[in-house]
Amino acid sequence: MIENKFYVYAIFSLVDNRIYVGMSQDVPNRIQEHNAGKVTSTKHFIPWVLFFSQLGGNTSEARKLEKYFKSAAGKRKLKKFLNALNPGSLPD
């Protein structure tokens, strides 16, 4: 892990095909927190599977990248990426 570097990640809910985007310095630990029900916004949609992670840089750079992936254009890109990994996992 690179110190003071944040990763932007996307996880997929196996319950309702929802995508959640977040940022963390320790992605594996953060995914464990999501799946343990410790994150209010994701606890009702467990289990989650990590399908995307990208080094975002420092806090402000990672926030900008996270904001992009939470936008409509960013979500479209993530859906295309997910469907390329697992065809038919999400409707177009």
PDB file of N, CA and C in Angstrom:
ATOM      1  N   MET A   1       0.853  -1.196   0.000  1.00  0.00           N
ATOM      2  CA  MET A   1       0.000   0.000   0.000  1.00  0.00           C
ATOM      3  C   MET A   1       0.890   1.248   0.000  1.00  0.00           C
ATOM      4  N   ILE A   2       0.548   2.189  -0.805  1.00  0.00           N
ATOM      5  CA  ILE A   2       1.278   3.449  -0.869  1.00  0.00           C
ATOM      6  C   ILE A   2       0.684   4.378   0.185  1.00  0.00           C
ATOM      7  N   GLU A   3       1.534   4.932   1.060  1.00  0.00           N
ATOM      8  CA  GLU A   3       1.038   5.804   2.118  1.00  0.00           C
ATOM      9  C   GLU A   3       0.388   7.056   1.560  1.00  0.00           C
ATOM     10  N   ASN A   4      -0.693   7.488   2.228  1.00  0.00           N
ATOM     11  CA  ASN A   4      -1.440   8.689   1.855  1.00  0.00           C
ATOM     12  C   ASN A   4      -2.009   8.609   0.444  1.00  0.00           C
ATOM     13  N   LYS A   5      -2.191   7.414  -0.054  1.00  0.00           N
ATOM     14  CA  LYS A   5      -2.810   7.212  -1.354  1.00  0.00           C
ATOM     15  C   LYS A   5      -4.146   6.511  -1.144  1.00  0.00           C
ATOM     16  N   PHE A   6      -5.103   6.948  -1.876  1.00  0.00           N
ATOM     17  CA  PHE A   6      -6.447   6.392  -1.769  1.00  0.00           C
ATOM     18  C   PHE A   6      -6.813   5.672  -3.052  1.00  0.00           C
ATOM     19  N   TYR A   7      -7.627   4.645  -2.894  1.00  0.00           N
ATOM     20  CA  TYR A   7      -8.146   3.888  -4.020  1.00  0.00           C
ATOM     21  C   TYR A   7      -9.637   4.172  -4.132  1.00  0.00           C
ATOM     22  N   VAL A   8     -10.107   4.267  -5.349  1.00  0.00           N
ATOM     23  CA  VAL A   8     -11.532   4.349  -5.613  1.00  0.00           C
ATOM     24  C   VAL A   8     -11.942   2.941  -6.016  1.00  0.00           C
ATOM     25  N   TYR A   9     -13.036   2.467  -5.459  1.00  0.00           N
ATOM     26  CA  TYR A   9     -13.464   1.100  -5.733  1.00  0.00           C
ATOM     27  C   TYR A   9     -14.956   1.059  -6.036  1.00  0.00           C
ATOM     28  N   ALA A  10     -15.358  -0.011  -6.708  1.00  0.00           N
ATOM     29  CA  ALA A  10     -16.775  -0.243  -6.979  1.00  0.00           C
ATOM     30  C   ALA A  10     -17.097  -1.677  -6.583  1.00  0.00           C
ATOM     31  N   ILE A  11     -18.215  -1.817  -5.891  1.00  0.00           N
ATOM     32  CA  ILE A  11     -18.672  -3.133  -5.473  1.00  0.00           C
ATOM     33  C   ILE A  11     -20.070  -3.376  -6.033  1.00  0.00           C
ATOM     34  N   PHE A  12     -20.402  -4.635  -6.171  1.00  0.00           N
ATOM     35  CA  PHE A  12     -21.653  -5.059  -6.786  1.00  0.00           C
ATOM     36  C   PHE A  12     -22.425  -5.892  -5.775  1.00  0.00           C
ATOM     37  N   SER A  13     -23.706  -5.550  -5.567  1.00  0.00           N
ATOM     38  CA  SER A  13     -24.543  -6.303  -4.636  1.00  0.00           C
ATOM     39  C   SER A  13     -25.126  -7.521  -5.342  1.00  0.00           C
ATOM     40  N   LEU A  14     -24.922  -8.681  -4.760  1.00  0.00           N
ATOM     41  CA  LEU A  14     -25.499  -9.904  -5.312  1.00  0.00           C
ATOM     42  C   LEU A  14     -26.987 -10.024  -5.007  1.00  0.00           C
ATOM     43  N   VAL A  15     -27.510  -9.127  -4.152  1.00  0.00           N
ATOM     44  CA  VAL A  15     -28.926  -9.143  -3.788  1.00  0.00           C
ATOM     45  C   VAL A  15     -29.787  -8.447  -4.840  1.00  0.00           C
ATOM     46  N   ASP A  16     -29.382  -7.257  -5.273  1.00  0.00           N
ATOM     47  CA  ASP A  16     -30.236  -6.500  -6.196  1.00  0.00           C
ATOM     48  C   ASP A  16     -29.482  -5.824  -7.347  1.00  0.00           C
ATOM     49  N   ASN A  17     -28.285  -6.317  -7.643  1.00  0.00           N
ATOM     50  CA  ASN A  17     -27.496  -5.800  -8.779  1.00  0.00           C
ATOM     51  C   ASN A  17     -27.152  -4.320  -8.653  1.00  0.00           C
ATOM     52  N   ARG A  18     -27.050  -3.830  -7.454  1.00  0.00           N
ATOM     53  CA  ARG A  18     -26.710  -2.433  -7.168  1.00  0.00           C
ATOM     54  C   ARG A  18     -25.196  -2.263  -7.230  1.00  0.00           C
ATOM     55  N   ILE A  19     -24.752  -1.103  -7.691  1.00  0.00           N
ATOM     56  CA  ILE A  19     -23.329  -0.759  -7.683  1.00  0.00           C
ATOM     57  C   ILE A  19     -23.112   0.349  -6.664  1.00  0.00           C
ATOM     58  N   TYR A  20     -22.092   0.189  -5.832  1.00  0.00           N
ATOM     59  CA  TYR A  20     -21.718   1.207  -4.857  1.00  0.00           C
ATOM     60  C   TYR A  20     -20.279   1.610  -5.142  1.00  0.00           C
ATOM     61  N   VAL A  21     -20.021   2.905  -5.116  1.00  0.00           N
ATOM     62  CA  VAL A  21     -18.677   3.442  -5.351  1.00  0.00           C
ATOM     63  C   VAL A  21     -18.192   4.113  -4.080  1.00  0.00           C
ATOM     64  N   GLY A  22     -16.944   3.845  -3.710  1.00  0.00           N
ATOM     65  CA  GLY A  22     -16.370   4.460  -2.526  1.00  0.00           C
ATOM     66  C   GLY A  22     -14.873   4.654  -2.697  1.00  0.00           C
ATOM     67  N   MET A  23     -14.230   5.142  -1.650  1.00  0.00           N
ATOM     68  CA  MET A  23     -12.777   5.307  -1.668  1.00  0.00           C
ATOM     69  C   MET A  23     -12.219   4.888  -0.321  1.00  0.00           C
ATOM     70  N   SER A  24     -10.999   4.368  -0.349  1.00  0.00           N
ATOM     71  CA  SER A  24     -10.376   3.864   0.872  1.00  0.00           C
ATOM     72  C   SER A  24      -8.878   3.723   0.662  1.00  0.00           C
ATOM     73  N   GLN A  25      -8.138   3.746   1.766  1.00  0.00           N
ATOM     74  CA  GLN A  25      -6.707   3.445   1.711  1.00  0.00           C
ATOM     75  C   GLN A  25      -6.481   1.942   1.830  1.00  0.00           C
ATOM     76  N   ASP A  26      -7.464   1.225   2.335  1.00  0.00           N
ATOM     77  CA  ASP A  26      -7.358  -0.214   2.534  1.00  0.00           C
ATOM     78  C   ASP A  26      -8.627  -0.885   1.986  1.00  0.00           C
ATOM     79  N   VAL A  27      -8.638  -1.143   0.691  1.00  0.00           N
ATOM     80  CA  VAL A  27      -9.830  -1.664   0.028  1.00  0.00           C
ATOM     81  C   VAL A  27     -10.271  -3.022   0.581  1.00  0.00           C
ATOM     82  N   PRO A  28      -9.384  -4.010   0.752  1.00  0.00           N
ATOM     83  CA  PRO A  28      -9.858  -5.294   1.288  1.00  0.00           C
ATOM     84  C   PRO A  28     -10.561  -5.164   2.644  1.00  0.00           C
ATOM     85  N   ASN A  29     -10.015  -4.342   3.529  1.00  0.00           N
ATOM     86  CA  ASN A  29     -10.647  -4.120   4.824  1.00  0.00           C
ATOM     87  C   ASN A  29     -12.001  -3.423   4.659  1.00  0.00           C
ATOM     88  N   ARG A  30     -12.068  -2.475   3.763  1.00  0.00           N
ATOM     89  CA  ARG A  30     -13.322  -1.740   3.543  1.00  0.00           C
ATOM     90  C   ARG A  30     -14.408  -2.666   3.005  1.00  0.00           C
ATOM     91  N   ILE A  31     -14.043  -3.588   2.120  1.00  0.00           N
ATOM     92  CA  ILE A  31     -15.018  -4.539   1.590  1.00  0.00           C
ATOM     93  C   ILE A  31     -15.527  -5.439   2.725  1.00  0.00           C
ATOM     94  N   GLN A  32     -14.637  -5.834   3.620  1.00  0.00           N
ATOM     95  CA  GLN A  32     -15.050  -6.627   4.785  1.00  0.00           C
ATOM     96  C   GLN A  32     -16.058  -5.850   5.635  1.00  0.00           C
ATOM     97  N   GLU A  33     -15.822  -4.550   5.806  1.00  0.00           N
ATOM     98  CA  GLU A  33     -16.757  -3.718   6.570  1.00  0.00           C
ATOM     99  C   GLU A  33     -18.123  -3.667   5.889  1.00  0.00           C
ATOM    100  N   HIS A  34     -18.128  -3.522   4.554  1.00  0.00           N
ATOM    101  CA  HIS A  34     -19.402  -3.526   3.816  1.00  0.00           C
ATOM    102  C   HIS A  34     -20.136  -4.840   4.050  1.00  0.00           C
ATOM    103  N   ASN A  35     -19.436  -5.954   3.925  1.00  0.00           N
ATOM    104  CA  ASN A  35     -20.069  -7.264   4.050  1.00  0.00           C
ATOM    105  C   ASN A  35     -20.394  -7.654   5.486  1.00  0.00           C
ATOM    106  N   ALA A  36     -19.827  -6.957   6.454  1.00  0.00           N
ATOM    107  CA  ALA A  36     -20.150  -7.207   7.866  1.00  0.00           C
ATOM    108  C   ALA A  36     -21.326  -6.340   8.325  1.00  0.00           C
ATOM    109  N   GLY A  37     -21.857  -5.503   7.441  1.00  0.00           N
ATOM    110  CA  GLY A  37     -22.989  -4.651   7.794  1.00  0.00           C
ATOM    111  C   GLY A  37     -22.611  -3.416   8.579  1.00  0.00           C
ATOM    112  N   LYS A  38     -21.341  -3.029   8.550  1.00  0.00           N
ATOM    113  CA  LYS A  38     -20.869  -1.871   9.309  1.00  0.00           C
ATOM    114  C   LYS A  38     -21.039  -0.546   8.574  1.00  0.00           C
ATOM    115  N   VAL A  39     -21.472  -0.595   7.305  1.00  0.00           N
ATOM    116  CA  VAL A  39     -21.652   0.626   6.507  1.00  0.00           C
ATOM    117  C   VAL A  39     -23.152   0.817   6.295  1.00  0.00           C
ATOM    118  N   THR A  40     -23.693   1.884   6.860  1.00  0.00           N
ATOM    119  CA  THR A  40     -25.135   2.119   6.845  1.00  0.00           C
ATOM    120  C   THR A  40     -25.739   2.052   5.452  1.00  0.00           C
ATOM    121  N   SER A  41     -25.101   2.681   4.487  1.00  0.00           N
ATOM    122  CA  SER A  41     -25.695   2.763   3.151  1.00  0.00           C
ATOM    123  C   SER A  41     -25.653   1.454   2.367  1.00  0.00           C
ATOM    124  N   THR A  42     -24.889   0.465   2.835  1.00  0.00           N
ATOM    125  CA  THR A  42     -24.791  -0.786   2.085  1.00  0.00           C
ATOM    126  C   THR A  42     -25.251  -2.016   2.871  1.00  0.00           C
ATOM    127  N   LYS A  43     -25.562  -1.862   4.142  1.00  0.00           N
ATOM    128  CA  LYS A  43     -25.811  -3.045   4.978  1.00  0.00           C
ATOM    129  C   LYS A  43     -27.042  -3.851   4.570  1.00  0.00           C
ATOM    130  N   HIS A  44     -27.991  -3.248   3.874  1.00  0.00           N
ATOM    131  CA  HIS A  44     -29.209  -3.970   3.487  1.00  0.00           C
ATOM    132  C   HIS A  44     -29.055  -4.722   2.170  1.00  0.00           C
ATOM    133  N   PHE A  45     -27.884  -4.632   1.567  1.00  0.00           N
ATOM    134  CA  PHE A  45     -27.698  -5.229   0.243  1.00  0.00           C
ATOM    135  C   PHE A  45     -26.537  -6.221   0.203  1.00  0.00           C
ATOM    136  N   ILE A  46     -26.193  -6.779   1.351  1.00  0.00           N
ATOM    137  CA  ILE A  46     -25.119  -7.771   1.490  1.00  0.00           C
ATOM    138  C   ILE A  46     -25.559  -9.062   0.798  1.00  0.00           C
ATOM    139  N   PRO A  47     -24.694  -9.770   0.121  1.00  0.00           N
ATOM    140  CA  PRO A  47     -23.242  -9.633   0.014  1.00  0.00           C
ATOM    141  C   PRO A  47     -22.815  -8.743  -1.149  1.00  0.00           C
ATOM    142  N   TRP A  48     -21.623  -8.176  -0.999  1.00  0.00           N
ATOM    143  CA  TRP A  48     -21.001  -7.310  -1.993  1.00  0.00           C
ATOM    144  C   TRP A  48     -19.754  -7.982  -2.552  1.00  0.00           C
ATOM    145  N   VAL A  49     -19.504  -7.733  -3.837  1.00  0.00           N
ATOM    146  CA  VAL A  49     -18.326  -8.281  -4.497  1.00  0.00           C
ATOM    147  C   VAL A  49     -17.565  -7.119  -5.141  1.00  0.00           C
ATOM    148  N   LEU A  50     -16.282  -7.045  -4.872  1.00  0.00           N
ATOM    149  CA  LEU A  50     -15.434  -6.027  -5.486  1.00  0.00           C
ATOM    150  C   LEU A  50     -15.220  -6.376  -6.952  1.00  0.00           C
ATOM    151  N   PHE A  51     -15.456  -5.413  -7.855  1.00  0.00           N
ATOM    152  CA  PHE A  51     -15.192  -5.674  -9.267  1.00  0.00           C
ATOM    153  C   PHE A  51     -14.332  -4.599  -9.926  1.00  0.00           C
ATOM    154  N   PHE A  52     -14.029  -3.528  -9.190  1.00  0.00           N
ATOM    155  CA  PHE A  52     -13.224  -2.452  -9.770  1.00  0.00           C
ATOM    156  C   PHE A  52     -12.484  -1.728  -8.664  1.00  0.00           C
ATOM    157  N   SER A  53     -11.213  -1.434  -8.899  1.00  0.00           N
ATOM    158  CA  SER A  53     -10.402  -0.659  -7.962  1.00  0.00           C
ATOM    159  C   SER A  53      -9.347   0.083  -8.760  1.00  0.00           C
ATOM    160  N   GLN A  54      -9.164   1.357  -8.443  1.00  0.00           N
ATOM    161  CA  GLN A  54      -8.191   2.180  -9.157  1.00  0.00           C
ATOM    162  C   GLN A  54      -7.513   3.126  -8.178  1.00  0.00           C
ATOM    163  N   LEU A  55      -6.212   3.241  -8.291  1.00  0.00           N
ATOM    164  CA  LEU A  55      -5.481   4.191  -7.460  1.00  0.00           C
ATOM    165  C   LEU A  55      -5.953   5.594  -7.809  1.00  0.00           C
ATOM    166  N   GLY A  56      -6.417   6.314  -6.796  1.00  0.00           N
ATOM    167  CA  GLY A  56      -6.968   7.642  -7.029  1.00  0.00           C
ATOM    168  C   GLY A  56      -6.020   8.766  -6.659  1.00  0.00           C
ATOM    169  N   GLY A  57      -4.933   8.460  -5.959  1.00  0.00           N
ATOM    170  CA  GLY A  57      -3.980   9.487  -5.556  1.00  0.00           C
ATOM    171  C   GLY A  57      -4.246   9.974  -4.151  1.00  0.00           C
ATOM    172  N   ASN A  58      -4.016  11.272  -3.937  1.00  0.00           N
ATOM    173  CA  ASN A  58      -4.263  11.827  -2.603  1.00  0.00           C
ATOM    174  C   ASN A  58      -5.768  12.003  -2.383  1.00  0.00           C
ATOM    175  N   THR A  59      -6.145  12.512  -1.241  1.00  0.00           N
ATOM    176  CA  THR A  59      -7.564  12.616  -0.893  1.00  0.00           C
ATOM    177  C   THR A  59      -8.374  13.393  -1.921  1.00  0.00           C
ATOM    178  N   SER A  60      -7.901  14.564  -2.323  1.00  0.00           N
ATOM    179  CA  SER A  60      -8.697  15.378  -3.240  1.00  0.00           C
ATOM    180  C   SER A  60      -8.763  14.762  -4.642  1.00  0.00           C
ATOM    181  N   GLU A  61      -7.684  14.152  -5.094  1.00  0.00           N
ATOM    182  CA  GLU A  61      -7.700  13.489  -6.408  1.00  0.00           C
ATOM    183  C   GLU A  61      -8.659  12.299  -6.398  1.00  0.00           C
ATOM    184  N   ALA A  62      -8.605  11.531  -5.317  1.00  0.00           N
ATOM    185  CA  ALA A  62      -9.487  10.366  -5.206  1.00  0.00           C
ATOM    186  C   ALA A  62     -10.944  10.790  -5.111  1.00  0.00           C
ATOM    187  N   ARG A  63     -11.230  11.870  -4.400  1.00  0.00           N
ATOM    188  CA  ARG A  63     -12.618  12.373  -4.304  1.00  0.00           C
ATOM    189  C   ARG A  63     -13.162  12.740  -5.683  1.00  0.00           C
ATOM    190  N   LYS A  64     -12.337  13.397  -6.498  1.00  0.00           N
ATOM    191  CA  LYS A  64     -12.767  13.762  -7.852  1.00  0.00           C
ATOM    192  C   LYS A  64     -13.085  12.519  -8.673  1.00  0.00           C
ATOM    193  N   LEU A  65     -12.236  11.508  -8.570  1.00  0.00           N
ATOM    194  CA  LEU A  65     -12.452  10.266  -9.303  1.00  0.00           C
ATOM    195  C   LEU A  65     -13.698   9.542  -8.784  1.00  0.00           C
ATOM    196  N   GLU A  66     -13.862   9.524  -7.468  1.00  0.00           N
ATOM    197  CA  GLU A  66     -15.051   8.909  -6.869  1.00  0.00           C
ATOM    198  C   GLU A  66     -16.311   9.632  -7.351  1.00  0.00           C
ATOM    199  N   LYS A  67     -16.269  10.939  -7.368  1.00  0.00           N
ATOM    200  CA  LYS A  67     -17.421  11.724  -7.817  1.00  0.00           C
ATOM    201  C   LYS A  67     -17.760  11.399  -9.273  1.00  0.00           C
ATOM    202  N   TYR A  68     -16.727  11.250 -10.113  1.00  0.00           N
ATOM    203  CA  TYR A  68     -16.967  10.889 -11.509  1.00  0.00           C
ATOM    204  C   TYR A  68     -17.672   9.534 -11.600  1.00  0.00           C
ATOM    205  N   PHE A  69     -17.170   8.526 -10.868  1.00  0.00           N
ATOM    206  CA  PHE A  69     -17.763   7.195 -10.964  1.00  0.00           C
ATOM    207  C   PHE A  69     -19.152   7.124 -10.328  1.00  0.00           C
ATOM    208  N   LYS A  70     -19.508   8.102  -9.523  1.00  0.00           N
ATOM    209  CA  LYS A  70     -20.860   8.169  -8.973  1.00  0.00           C
ATOM    210  C   LYS A  70     -21.806   8.917  -9.909  1.00  0.00           C
ATOM    211  N   SER A  71     -21.269   9.600 -10.919  1.00  0.00           N
ATOM    212  CA  SER A  71     -22.093  10.319 -11.887  1.00  0.00           C
ATOM    213  C   SER A  71     -22.720   9.327 -12.866  1.00  0.00           C
ATOM    214  N   ALA A  72     -23.675   9.796 -13.653  1.00  0.00           N
ATOM    215  CA  ALA A  72     -24.327   8.927 -14.643  1.00  0.00           C
ATOM    216  C   ALA A  72     -23.310   8.374 -15.645  1.00  0.00           C
ATOM    217  N   ALA A  73     -22.409   9.214 -16.123  1.00  0.00           N
ATOM    218  CA  ALA A  73     -21.404   8.760 -17.095  1.00  0.00           C
ATOM    219  C   ALA A  73     -20.466   7.736 -16.469  1.00  0.00           C
ATOM    220  N   GLY A  74     -20.064   7.976 -15.247  1.00  0.00           N
ATOM    221  CA  GLY A  74     -19.182   7.045 -14.550  1.00  0.00           C
ATOM    222  C   GLY A  74     -19.859   5.708 -14.273  1.00  0.00           C
ATOM    223  N   LYS A  75     -21.133   5.755 -13.875  1.00  0.00           N
ATOM    224  CA  LYS A  75     -21.883   4.514 -13.622  1.00  0.00           C
ATOM    225  C   LYS A  75     -22.051   3.721 -14.929  1.00  0.00           C
ATOM    226  N   ARG A  76     -22.267   4.409 -16.041  1.00  0.00           N
ATOM    227  CA  ARG A  76     -22.363   3.710 -17.335  1.00  0.00           C
ATOM    228  C   ARG A  76     -21.059   2.978 -17.640  1.00  0.00           C
ATOM    229  N   LYS A  77     -19.937   3.655 -17.390  1.00  0.00           N
ATOM    230  CA  LYS A  77     -18.627   3.039 -17.632  1.00  0.00           C
ATOM    231  C   LYS A  77     -18.432   1.815 -16.728  1.00  0.00           C
ATOM    232  N   LEU A  78     -18.812   1.936 -15.461  1.00  0.00           N
ATOM    233  CA  LEU A  78     -18.687   0.806 -14.544  1.00  0.00           C
ATOM    234  C   LEU A  78     -19.588  -0.362 -14.967  1.00  0.00           C
ATOM    235  N   LYS A  79     -20.807  -0.050 -15.417  1.00  0.00           N
ATOM    236  CA  LYS A  79     -21.713  -1.112 -15.865  1.00  0.00           C
ATOM    237  C   LYS A  79     -21.145  -1.834 -17.072  1.00  0.00           C
ATOM    238  N   LYS A  80     -20.547  -1.091 -18.008  1.00  0.00           N
ATOM    239  CA  LYS A  80     -19.925  -1.716 -19.176  1.00  0.00           C
ATOM    240  C   LYS A  80     -18.767  -2.607 -18.742  1.00  0.00           C
ATOM    241  N   PHE A  81     -17.970  -2.117 -17.809  1.00  0.00           N
ATOM    242  CA  PHE A  81     -16.842  -2.880 -17.292  1.00  0.00           C
ATOM    243  C   PHE A  81     -17.331  -4.167 -16.623  1.00  0.00           C
ATOM    244  N   LEU A  82     -18.365  -4.054 -15.797  1.00  0.00           N
ATOM    245  CA  LEU A  82     -18.912  -5.215 -15.101  1.00  0.00           C
ATOM    246  C   LEU A  82     -19.481  -6.222 -16.092  1.00  0.00           C
ATOM    247  N   ASN A  83     -20.215  -5.733 -17.083  1.00  0.00           N
ATOM    248  CA  ASN A  83     -20.782  -6.639 -18.084  1.00  0.00           C
ATOM    249  C   ASN A  83     -19.702  -7.309 -18.924  1.00  0.00           C
ATOM    250  N   ALA A  84     -18.577  -6.639 -19.126  1.00  0.00           N
ATOM    251  CA  ALA A  84     -17.456  -7.270 -19.852  1.00  0.00           C
ATOM    252  C   ALA A  84     -16.854  -8.397 -19.011  1.00  0.00           C
ATOM    253  N   LEU A  85     -16.805  -8.213 -17.701  1.00  0.00           N
ATOM    254  CA  LEU A  85     -16.303  -9.247 -16.796  1.00  0.00           C
ATOM    255  C   LEU A  85     -17.259 -10.412 -16.676  1.00  0.00           C
ATOM    256  N   ASN A  86     -18.552 -10.078 -16.629  1.00  0.00           N
ATOM    257  CA  ASN A  86     -19.591 -11.079 -16.399  1.00  0.00           C
ATOM    258  C   ASN A  86     -20.790 -10.732 -17.272  1.00  0.00           C
ATOM    259  N   PRO A  87     -20.761 -11.156 -18.538  1.00  0.00           N
ATOM    260  CA  PRO A  87     -21.854 -10.801 -19.472  1.00  0.00           C
ATOM    261  C   PRO A  87     -23.233 -11.151 -18.926  1.00  0.00           C
ATOM    262  N   GLY A  88     -24.146 -10.174 -19.073  1.00  0.00           N
ATOM    263  CA  GLY A  88     -25.519 -10.375 -18.625  1.00  0.00           C
ATOM    264  C   GLY A  88     -25.745 -10.096 -17.148  1.00  0.00           C
ATOM    265  N   SER A  89     -24.737  -9.631 -16.441  1.00  0.00           N
ATOM    266  CA  SER A  89     -24.905  -9.386 -15.009  1.00  0.00           C
ATOM    267  C   SER A  89     -25.796  -8.185 -14.714  1.00  0.00           C
ATOM    268  N   LEU A  90     -25.828  -7.238 -15.629  1.00  0.00           N
ATOM    269  CA  LEU A  90     -26.674  -6.048 -15.476  1.00  0.00           C
ATOM    270  C   LEU A  90     -27.429  -5.800 -16.764  1.00  0.00           C
ATOM    271  N   PRO A  91     -28.655  -5.294 -16.665  1.00  0.00           N
ATOM    272  CA  PRO A  91     -29.363  -4.900 -17.897  1.00  0.00           C
ATOM    273  C   PRO A  91     -28.685  -3.676 -18.504  1.00  0.00           C
ATOM    274  N   ASP A  92     -28.765  -3.533 -19.813  1.00  0.00           N
ATOM    275  CA  ASP A  92     -28.136  -2.386 -20.498  1.00  0.00           C
ATOM    276  C   ASP A  92     -28.725  -1.091 -20.124  1.00  0.00           C
TER     277      ASP A  92
END
